[in-house]
Amino acid sequence: MSIRILYFGRLKDVLGRGEETLDWAGGDSAALLAALRGRGEDWAEALAAGKVFRLVVNQQVVRGEVPIPDGAEVGILPPVTGG
């Protein structure tokens, strides 16, 4: 089982990749973020609570903890600043 993750904006720069395929045993969005944060300090800081603006699962913006099914495409969008 696997999912495809897309990183946008500054996350793409900080994490050094725009996308990846991740082996996925199943779970929800909180489990996915916890697994990614567990990759190390840079990941934990970039994906810290409050820094991830939105998750998009299969092209649908989601809120809260939602299931991430096998084969899903997950976009992680950072906060956008500006004025």
PDB file of N, CA and C in Angstrom:
ATOM      1  N   MET A   1       0.846  -1.173   0.000  1.00  0.00           N
ATOM      2  CA  MET A   1       0.000   0.000   0.000  1.00  0.00           C
ATOM      3  C   MET A   1       0.892   1.237   0.000  1.00  0.00           C
ATOM      4  N   SER A   2       0.456   2.250  -0.715  1.00  0.00           N
ATOM      5  CA  SER A   2       1.251   3.477  -0.768  1.00  0.00           C
ATOM      6  C   SER A   2       0.355   4.678  -1.040  1.00  0.00           C
ATOM      7  N   ILE A   3       0.897   5.846  -0.731  1.00  0.00           N
ATOM      8  CA  ILE A   3       0.240   7.105  -1.033  1.00  0.00           C
ATOM      9  C   ILE A   3       1.253   8.031  -1.695  1.00  0.00           C
ATOM     10  N   ARG A   4       0.762   9.016  -2.409  1.00  0.00           N
ATOM     11  CA  ARG A   4       1.621  10.015  -3.039  1.00  0.00           C
ATOM     12  C   ARG A   4       1.449  11.316  -2.275  1.00  0.00           C
ATOM     13  N   ILE A   5       2.566  11.915  -1.885  1.00  0.00           N
ATOM     14  CA  ILE A   5       2.529  13.171  -1.142  1.00  0.00           C
ATOM     15  C   ILE A   5       3.140  14.265  -1.991  1.00  0.00           C
ATOM     16  N   LEU A   6       2.451  15.396  -2.072  1.00  0.00           N
ATOM     17  CA  LEU A   6       2.920  16.567  -2.796  1.00  0.00           C
ATOM     18  C   LEU A   6       3.190  17.677  -1.780  1.00  0.00           C
ATOM     19  N   TYR A   7       4.363  18.296  -1.885  1.00  0.00           N
ATOM     20  CA  TYR A   7       4.742  19.392  -0.988  1.00  0.00           C
ATOM     21  C   TYR A   7       4.736  20.688  -1.792  1.00  0.00           C
ATOM     22  N   PHE A   8       4.182  21.749  -1.211  1.00  0.00           N
ATOM     23  CA  PHE A   8       4.057  23.013  -1.908  1.00  0.00           C
ATOM     24  C   PHE A   8       4.757  24.142  -1.162  1.00  0.00           C
ATOM     25  N   GLY A   9       5.010  25.230  -1.903  1.00  0.00           N
ATOM     26  CA  GLY A   9       5.565  26.441  -1.309  1.00  0.00           C
ATOM     27  C   GLY A   9       6.879  26.211  -0.603  1.00  0.00           C
ATOM     28  N   ARG A  10       7.014  26.829   0.556  1.00  0.00           N
ATOM     29  CA  ARG A  10       8.271  26.737   1.301  1.00  0.00           C
ATOM     30  C   ARG A  10       8.564  25.317   1.771  1.00  0.00           C
ATOM     31  N   LEU A  11       7.527  24.491   1.930  1.00  0.00           N
ATOM     32  CA  LEU A  11       7.772  23.101   2.333  1.00  0.00           C
ATOM     33  C   LEU A  11       8.611  22.381   1.289  1.00  0.00           C
ATOM     34  N   LYS A  12       8.328  22.645   0.043  1.00  0.00           N
ATOM     35  CA  LYS A  12       9.089  22.041  -1.048  1.00  0.00           C
ATOM     36  C   LYS A  12      10.561  22.411  -0.924  1.00  0.00           C
ATOM     37  N   ASP A  13      10.833  23.670  -0.609  1.00  0.00           N
ATOM     38  CA  ASP A  13      12.211  24.137  -0.474  1.00  0.00           C
ATOM     39  C   ASP A  13      12.876  23.576   0.784  1.00  0.00           C
ATOM     40  N   VAL A  14      12.190  23.667   1.916  1.00  0.00           N
ATOM     41  CA  VAL A  14      12.766  23.237   3.196  1.00  0.00           C
ATOM     42  C   VAL A  14      13.011  21.725   3.225  1.00  0.00           C
ATOM     43  N   LEU A  15      12.082  20.969   2.678  1.00  0.00           N
ATOM     44  CA  LEU A  15      12.188  19.509   2.742  1.00  0.00           C
ATOM     45  C   LEU A  15      12.955  18.917   1.562  1.00  0.00           C
ATOM     46  N   GLY A  16      13.265  19.762   0.578  1.00  0.00           N
ATOM     47  CA  GLY A  16      14.099  19.320  -0.527  1.00  0.00           C
ATOM     48  C   GLY A  16      13.434  18.384  -1.514  1.00  0.00           C
ATOM     49  N   ARG A  17      12.126  18.445  -1.594  1.00  0.00           N
ATOM     50  CA  ARG A  17      11.406  17.593  -2.553  1.00  0.00           C
ATOM     51  C   ARG A  17      10.023  18.162  -2.809  1.00  0.00           C
ATOM     52  N   GLY A  18       9.537  17.931  -3.982  1.00  0.00           N
ATOM     53  CA  GLY A  18       8.205  18.387  -4.349  1.00  0.00           C
ATOM     54  C   GLY A  18       7.161  17.305  -4.209  1.00  0.00           C
ATOM     55  N   GLU A  19       7.615  16.062  -4.232  1.00  0.00           N
ATOM     56  CA  GLU A  19       6.688  14.947  -4.086  1.00  0.00           C
ATOM     57  C   GLU A  19       7.446  13.682  -3.731  1.00  0.00           C
ATOM     58  N   GLU A  20       6.708  12.695  -3.271  1.00  0.00           N
ATOM     59  CA  GLU A  20       7.275  11.381  -2.978  1.00  0.00           C
ATOM     60  C   GLU A  20       6.149  10.363  -2.894  1.00  0.00           C
ATOM     61  N   THR A  21       6.510   9.121  -3.044  1.00  0.00           N
ATOM     62  CA  THR A  21       5.600   8.019  -2.802  1.00  0.00           C
ATOM     63  C   THR A  21       6.010   7.384  -1.484  1.00  0.00           C
ATOM     64  N   LEU A  22       5.043   7.211  -0.604  1.00  0.00           N
ATOM     65  CA  LEU A  22       5.310   6.719   0.746  1.00  0.00           C
ATOM     66  C   LEU A  22       4.589   5.403   0.968  1.00  0.00           C
ATOM     67  N   ASP A  23       5.311   4.396   1.473  1.00  0.00           N
ATOM     68  CA  ASP A  23       4.646   3.167   1.888  1.00  0.00           C
ATOM     69  C   ASP A  23       3.684   3.532   3.005  1.00  0.00           C
ATOM     70  N   TRP A  24       2.454   3.040   2.929  1.00  0.00           N
ATOM     71  CA  TRP A  24       1.416   3.467   3.856  1.00  0.00           C
ATOM     72  C   TRP A  24       0.620   2.264   4.337  1.00  0.00           C
ATOM     73  N   ALA A  25       0.669   2.044   5.647  1.00  0.00           N
ATOM     74  CA  ALA A  25      -0.058   0.928   6.237  1.00  0.00           C
ATOM     75  C   ALA A  25      -1.490   1.309   6.576  1.00  0.00           C
ATOM     76  N   GLY A  26      -1.851   2.551   6.308  1.00  0.00           N
ATOM     77  CA  GLY A  26      -3.191   3.033   6.610  1.00  0.00           C
ATOM     78  C   GLY A  26      -3.189   3.909   7.846  1.00  0.00           C
ATOM     79  N   GLY A  27      -4.215   4.699   7.977  1.00  0.00           N
ATOM     80  CA  GLY A  27      -4.346   5.607   9.108  1.00  0.00           C
ATOM     81  C   GLY A  27      -4.982   6.900   8.661  1.00  0.00           C
ATOM     82  N   ASP A  28      -4.880   7.889   9.535  1.00  0.00           N
ATOM     83  CA  ASP A  28      -5.503   9.169   9.229  1.00  0.00           C
ATOM     84  C   ASP A  28      -4.467  10.262   9.031  1.00  0.00           C
ATOM     85  N   SER A  29      -4.952  11.470   8.811  1.00  0.00           N
ATOM     86  CA  SER A  29      -4.065  12.597   8.547  1.00  0.00           C
ATOM     87  C   SER A  29      -3.139  12.889   9.717  1.00  0.00           C
ATOM     88  N   ALA A  30      -3.612  12.708  10.945  1.00  0.00           N
ATOM     89  CA  ALA A  30      -2.754  12.928  12.115  1.00  0.00           C
ATOM     90  C   ALA A  30      -1.604  11.918  12.140  1.00  0.00           C
ATOM     91  N   ALA A  31      -1.894  10.672  11.793  1.00  0.00           N
ATOM     92  CA  ALA A  31      -0.855   9.637  11.757  1.00  0.00           C
ATOM     93  C   ALA A  31       0.172   9.933  10.669  1.00  0.00           C
ATOM     94  N   LEU A  32      -0.298  10.428   9.532  1.00  0.00           N
ATOM     95  CA  LEU A  32       0.622  10.771   8.449  1.00  0.00           C
ATOM     96  C   LEU A  32       1.558  11.893   8.881  1.00  0.00           C
ATOM     97  N   LEU A  33       0.998  12.965   9.439  1.00  0.00           N
ATOM     98  CA  LEU A  33       1.838  14.077   9.873  1.00  0.00           C
ATOM     99  C   LEU A  33       2.811  13.643  10.966  1.00  0.00           C
ATOM    100  N   ALA A  34       2.369  12.794  11.883  1.00  0.00           N
ATOM    101  CA  ALA A  34       3.261  12.291  12.936  1.00  0.00           C
ATOM    102  C   ALA A  34       4.410  11.487  12.332  1.00  0.00           C
ATOM    103  N   ALA A  35       4.116  10.668  11.341  1.00  0.00           N
ATOM    104  CA  ALA A  35       5.160   9.872  10.692  1.00  0.00           C
ATOM    105  C   ALA A  35       6.167  10.769   9.984  1.00  0.00           C
ATOM    106  N   LEU A  36       5.684  11.789   9.305  1.00  0.00           N
ATOM    107  CA  LEU A  36       6.588  12.711   8.610  1.00  0.00           C
ATOM    108  C   LEU A  36       7.418  13.513   9.601  1.00  0.00           C
ATOM    109  N   ARG A  37       6.808  13.974  10.680  1.00  0.00           N
ATOM    110  CA  ARG A  37       7.553  14.723  11.704  1.00  0.00           C
ATOM    111  C   ARG A  37       8.640  13.864  12.337  1.00  0.00           C
ATOM    112  N   GLY A  38       8.430  12.562  12.376  1.00  0.00           N
ATOM    113  CA  GLY A  38       9.393  11.644  12.966  1.00  0.00           C
ATOM    114  C   GLY A  38      10.649  11.443  12.136  1.00  0.00           C
ATOM    115  N   ARG A  39      10.718  12.047  10.977  1.00  0.00           N
ATOM    116  CA  ARG A  39      11.891  11.912  10.108  1.00  0.00           C
ATOM    117  C   ARG A  39      13.085  12.732  10.586  1.00  0.00           C
ATOM    118  N   GLY A  40      12.875  13.638  11.507  1.00  0.00           N
ATOM    119  CA  GLY A  40      13.992  14.440  11.995  1.00  0.00           C
ATOM    120  C   GLY A  40      13.585  15.865  12.303  1.00  0.00           C
ATOM    121  N   GLU A  41      14.544  16.613  12.801  1.00  0.00           N
ATOM    122  CA  GLU A  41      14.292  17.970  13.276  1.00  0.00           C
ATOM    123  C   GLU A  41      13.739  18.896  12.191  1.00  0.00           C
ATOM    124  N   ASP A  42      14.323  18.855  10.988  1.00  0.00           N
ATOM    125  CA  ASP A  42      13.843  19.716   9.907  1.00  0.00           C
ATOM    126  C   ASP A  42      12.382  19.418   9.574  1.00  0.00           C
ATOM    127  N   TRP A  43      12.048  18.145   9.530  1.00  0.00           N
ATOM    128  CA  TRP A  43      10.679  17.733   9.232  1.00  0.00           C
ATOM    129  C   TRP A  43       9.738  18.145  10.360  1.00  0.00           C
ATOM    130  N   ALA A  44      10.152  17.908  11.595  1.00  0.00           N
ATOM    131  CA  ALA A  44       9.309  18.249  12.746  1.00  0.00           C
ATOM    132  C   ALA A  44       9.028  19.744  12.790  1.00  0.00           C
ATOM    133  N   GLU A  45      10.042  20.547  12.494  1.00  0.00           N
ATOM    134  CA  GLU A  45       9.862  21.995  12.518  1.00  0.00           C
ATOM    135  C   GLU A  45       8.988  22.467  11.349  1.00  0.00           C
ATOM    136  N   ALA A  46       9.255  21.969  10.163  1.00  0.00           N
ATOM    137  CA  ALA A  46       8.504  22.402   8.978  1.00  0.00           C
ATOM    138  C   ALA A  46       7.030  22.015   9.055  1.00  0.00           C
ATOM    139  N   LEU A  47       6.743  20.870   9.688  1.00  0.00           N
ATOM    140  CA  LEU A  47       5.376  20.366   9.755  1.00  0.00           C
ATOM    141  C   LEU A  47       4.770  20.485  11.148  1.00  0.00           C
ATOM    142  N   ALA A  48       5.332  21.368  11.974  1.00  0.00           N
ATOM    143  CA  ALA A  48       4.833  21.551  13.340  1.00  0.00           C
ATOM    144  C   ALA A  48       3.371  21.994  13.318  1.00  0.00           C
ATOM    145  N   ALA A  49       2.664  21.606  14.357  1.00  0.00           N
ATOM    146  CA  ALA A  49       1.266  22.020  14.484  1.00  0.00           C
ATOM    147  C   ALA A  49       1.198  23.543  14.388  1.00  0.00           C
ATOM    148  N   GLY A  50       0.261  24.024  13.628  1.00  0.00           N
ATOM    149  CA  GLY A  50       0.122  25.453  13.438  1.00  0.00           C
ATOM    150  C   GLY A  50       0.833  25.965  12.206  1.00  0.00           C
ATOM    151  N   LYS A  51       1.771  25.189  11.677  1.00  0.00           N
ATOM    152  CA  LYS A  51       2.476  25.605  10.464  1.00  0.00           C
ATOM    153  C   LYS A  51       1.847  25.009   9.209  1.00  0.00           C
ATOM    154  N   VAL A  52       1.258  23.858   9.316  1.00  0.00           N
ATOM    155  CA  VAL A  52       0.598  23.260   8.151  1.00  0.00           C
ATOM    156  C   VAL A  52      -0.749  23.938   7.988  1.00  0.00           C
ATOM    157  N   PHE A  53      -0.941  24.600   6.870  1.00  0.00           N
ATOM    158  CA  PHE A  53      -2.165  25.371   6.644  1.00  0.00           C
ATOM    159  C   PHE A  53      -3.316  24.473   6.219  1.00  0.00           C
ATOM    160  N   ARG A  54      -3.088  23.639   5.258  1.00  0.00           N
ATOM    161  CA  ARG A  54      -4.149  22.775   4.746  1.00  0.00           C
ATOM    162  C   ARG A  54      -3.583  21.449   4.248  1.00  0.00           C
ATOM    163  N   LEU A  55      -4.402  20.433   4.382  1.00  0.00           N
ATOM    164  CA  LEU A  55      -4.133  19.157   3.725  1.00  0.00           C
ATOM    165  C   LEU A  55      -5.205  18.985   2.652  1.00  0.00           C
ATOM    166  N   VAL A  56      -4.781  18.450   1.533  1.00  0.00           N
ATOM    167  CA  VAL A  56      -5.695  18.171   0.431  1.00  0.00           C
ATOM    168  C   VAL A  56      -5.571  16.683   0.146  1.00  0.00           C
ATOM    169  N   VAL A  57      -6.665  15.952   0.275  1.00  0.00           N
ATOM    170  CA  VAL A  57      -6.661  14.510   0.039  1.00  0.00           C
ATOM    171  C   VAL A  57      -7.514  14.240  -1.190  1.00  0.00           C
ATOM    172  N   ASN A  58      -6.869  13.671  -2.203  1.00  0.00           N
ATOM    173  CA  ASN A  58      -7.551  13.383  -3.467  1.00  0.00           C
ATOM    174  C   ASN A  58      -8.297  14.616  -3.988  1.00  0.00           C
ATOM    175  N   GLN A  59      -7.585  15.747  -3.958  1.00  0.00           N
ATOM    176  CA  GLN A  59      -8.038  17.025  -4.493  1.00  0.00           C
ATOM    177  C   GLN A  59      -9.210  17.639  -3.731  1.00  0.00           C
ATOM    178  N   GLN A  60      -9.391  17.210  -2.481  1.00  0.00           N
ATOM    179  CA  GLN A  60     -10.415  17.793  -1.615  1.00  0.00           C
ATOM    180  C   GLN A  60      -9.740  18.376  -0.377  1.00  0.00           C
ATOM    181  N   VAL A  61      -9.944  19.663  -0.108  1.00  0.00           N
ATOM    182  CA  VAL A  61      -9.397  20.275   1.103  1.00  0.00           C
ATOM    183  C   VAL A  61     -10.092  19.621   2.296  1.00  0.00           C
ATOM    184  N   VAL A  62      -9.299  19.187   3.272  1.00  0.00           N
ATOM    185  CA  VAL A  62      -9.857  18.510   4.447  1.00  0.00           C
ATOM    186  C   VAL A  62      -9.526  19.298   5.709  1.00  0.00           C
ATOM    187  N   ARG A  63     -10.309  19.071   6.726  1.00  0.00           N
ATOM    188  CA  ARG A  63     -10.094  19.696   8.032  1.00  0.00           C
ATOM    189  C   ARG A  63     -10.119  18.595   9.079  1.00  0.00           C
ATOM    190  N   GLY A  64      -9.261  18.752  10.080  1.00  0.00           N
ATOM    191  CA  GLY A  64      -9.226  17.774  11.166  1.00  0.00           C
ATOM    192  C   GLY A  64      -8.615  16.463  10.718  1.00  0.00           C
ATOM    193  N   GLU A  65      -8.887  15.447  11.509  1.00  0.00           N
ATOM    194  CA  GLU A  65      -8.344  14.114  11.225  1.00  0.00           C
ATOM    195  C   GLU A  65      -9.289  13.377  10.275  1.00  0.00           C
ATOM    196  N   VAL A  66      -8.743  13.002   9.130  1.00  0.00           N
ATOM    197  CA  VAL A  66      -9.525  12.276   8.132  1.00  0.00           C
ATOM    198  C   VAL A  66      -8.743  11.041   7.695  1.00  0.00           C
ATOM    199  N   PRO A  67      -9.424   9.973   7.307  1.00  0.00           N
ATOM    200  CA  PRO A  67      -8.729   8.784   6.826  1.00  0.00           C
ATOM    201  C   PRO A  67      -7.939   9.086   5.552  1.00  0.00           C
ATOM    202  N   ILE A  68      -6.779   8.460   5.442  1.00  0.00           N
ATOM    203  CA  ILE A  68      -5.965   8.541   4.232  1.00  0.00           C
ATOM    204  C   ILE A  68      -5.975   7.139   3.612  1.00  0.00           C
ATOM    205  N   PRO A  69      -6.757   6.942   2.558  1.00  0.00           N
ATOM    206  CA  PRO A  69      -6.872   5.611   1.971  1.00  0.00           C
ATOM    207  C   PRO A  69      -5.648   5.234   1.130  1.00  0.00           C
ATOM    208  N   ASP A  70      -5.476   3.954   0.925  1.00  0.00           N
ATOM    209  CA  ASP A  70      -4.424   3.465   0.045  1.00  0.00           C
ATOM    210  C   ASP A  70      -4.588   4.101  -1.325  1.00  0.00           C
ATOM    211  N   GLY A  71      -3.476   4.515  -1.912  1.00  0.00           N
ATOM    212  CA  GLY A  71      -3.490   5.102  -3.233  1.00  0.00           C
ATOM    213  C   GLY A  71      -3.836   6.580  -3.268  1.00  0.00           C
ATOM    214  N   ALA A  72      -4.052   7.178  -2.108  1.00  0.00           N
ATOM    215  CA  ALA A  72      -4.444   8.593  -2.070  1.00  0.00           C
ATOM    216  C   ALA A  72      -3.307   9.500  -2.515  1.00  0.00           C
ATOM    217  N   GLU A  73      -3.704  10.674  -2.999  1.00  0.00           N
ATOM    218  CA  GLU A  73      -2.768  11.749  -3.268  1.00  0.00           C
ATOM    219  C   GLU A  73      -3.011  12.802  -2.188  1.00  0.00           C
ATOM    220  N   VAL A  74      -1.957  13.139  -1.440  1.00  0.00           N
ATOM    221  CA  VAL A  74      -2.069  14.084  -0.327  1.00  0.00           C
ATOM    222  C   VAL A  74      -1.187  15.287  -0.608  1.00  0.00           C
ATOM    223  N   GLY A  75      -1.798  16.450  -0.666  1.00  0.00           N
ATOM    224  CA  GLY A  75      -1.051  17.691  -0.819  1.00  0.00           C
ATOM    225  C   GLY A  75      -0.924  18.367   0.537  1.00  0.00           C
ATOM    226  N   ILE A  76       0.264  18.872   0.835  1.00  0.00           N
ATOM    227  CA  ILE A  76       0.470  19.601   2.086  1.00  0.00           C
ATOM    228  C   ILE A  76       0.806  21.045   1.708  1.00  0.00           C
ATOM    229  N   LEU A  77      -0.079  21.945   2.104  1.00  0.00           N
ATOM    230  CA  LEU A  77       0.034  23.360   1.754  1.00  0.00           C
ATOM    231  C   LEU A  77       0.449  24.156   2.984  1.00  0.00           C
ATOM    232  N   PRO A  78       1.538  24.925   2.887  1.00  0.00           N
ATOM    233  CA  PRO A  78       1.958  25.739   4.032  1.00  0.00           C
ATOM    234  C   PRO A  78       1.082  26.980   4.174  1.00  0.00           C
ATOM    235  N   PRO A  79       1.193  27.665   5.311  1.00  0.00           N
ATOM    236  CA  PRO A  79       0.464  28.933   5.448  1.00  0.00           C
ATOM    237  C   PRO A  79       0.925  29.913   4.390  1.00  0.00           C
ATOM    238  N   VAL A  80       0.034  30.754   3.958  1.00  0.00           N
ATOM    239  CA  VAL A  80       0.361  31.773   2.972  1.00  0.00           C
ATOM    240  C   VAL A  80       0.313  33.124   3.672  1.00  0.00           C
ATOM    241  N   THR A  81       1.373  33.906   3.493  1.00  0.00           N
ATOM    242  CA  THR A  81       1.379  35.236   4.077  1.00  0.00           C
ATOM    243  C   THR A  81       1.330  36.268   2.980  1.00  0.00           C
ATOM    244  N   GLY A  82       0.946  37.413   3.337  1.00  0.00           N
ATOM    245  CA  GLY A  82       0.895  38.484   2.346  1.00  0.00           C
ATOM    246  C   GLY A  82      -0.110  39.537   2.779  1.00  0.00           C
ATOM    247  N   GLY A  83      -0.278  40.503   1.952  1.00  0.00           N
ATOM    248  CA  GLY A  83      -1.219  41.528   2.352  1.00  0.00           C
ATOM    249  C   GLY A  83      -1.633  42.396   1.225  1.00  0.00           C
TER     250      GLY A  83
END
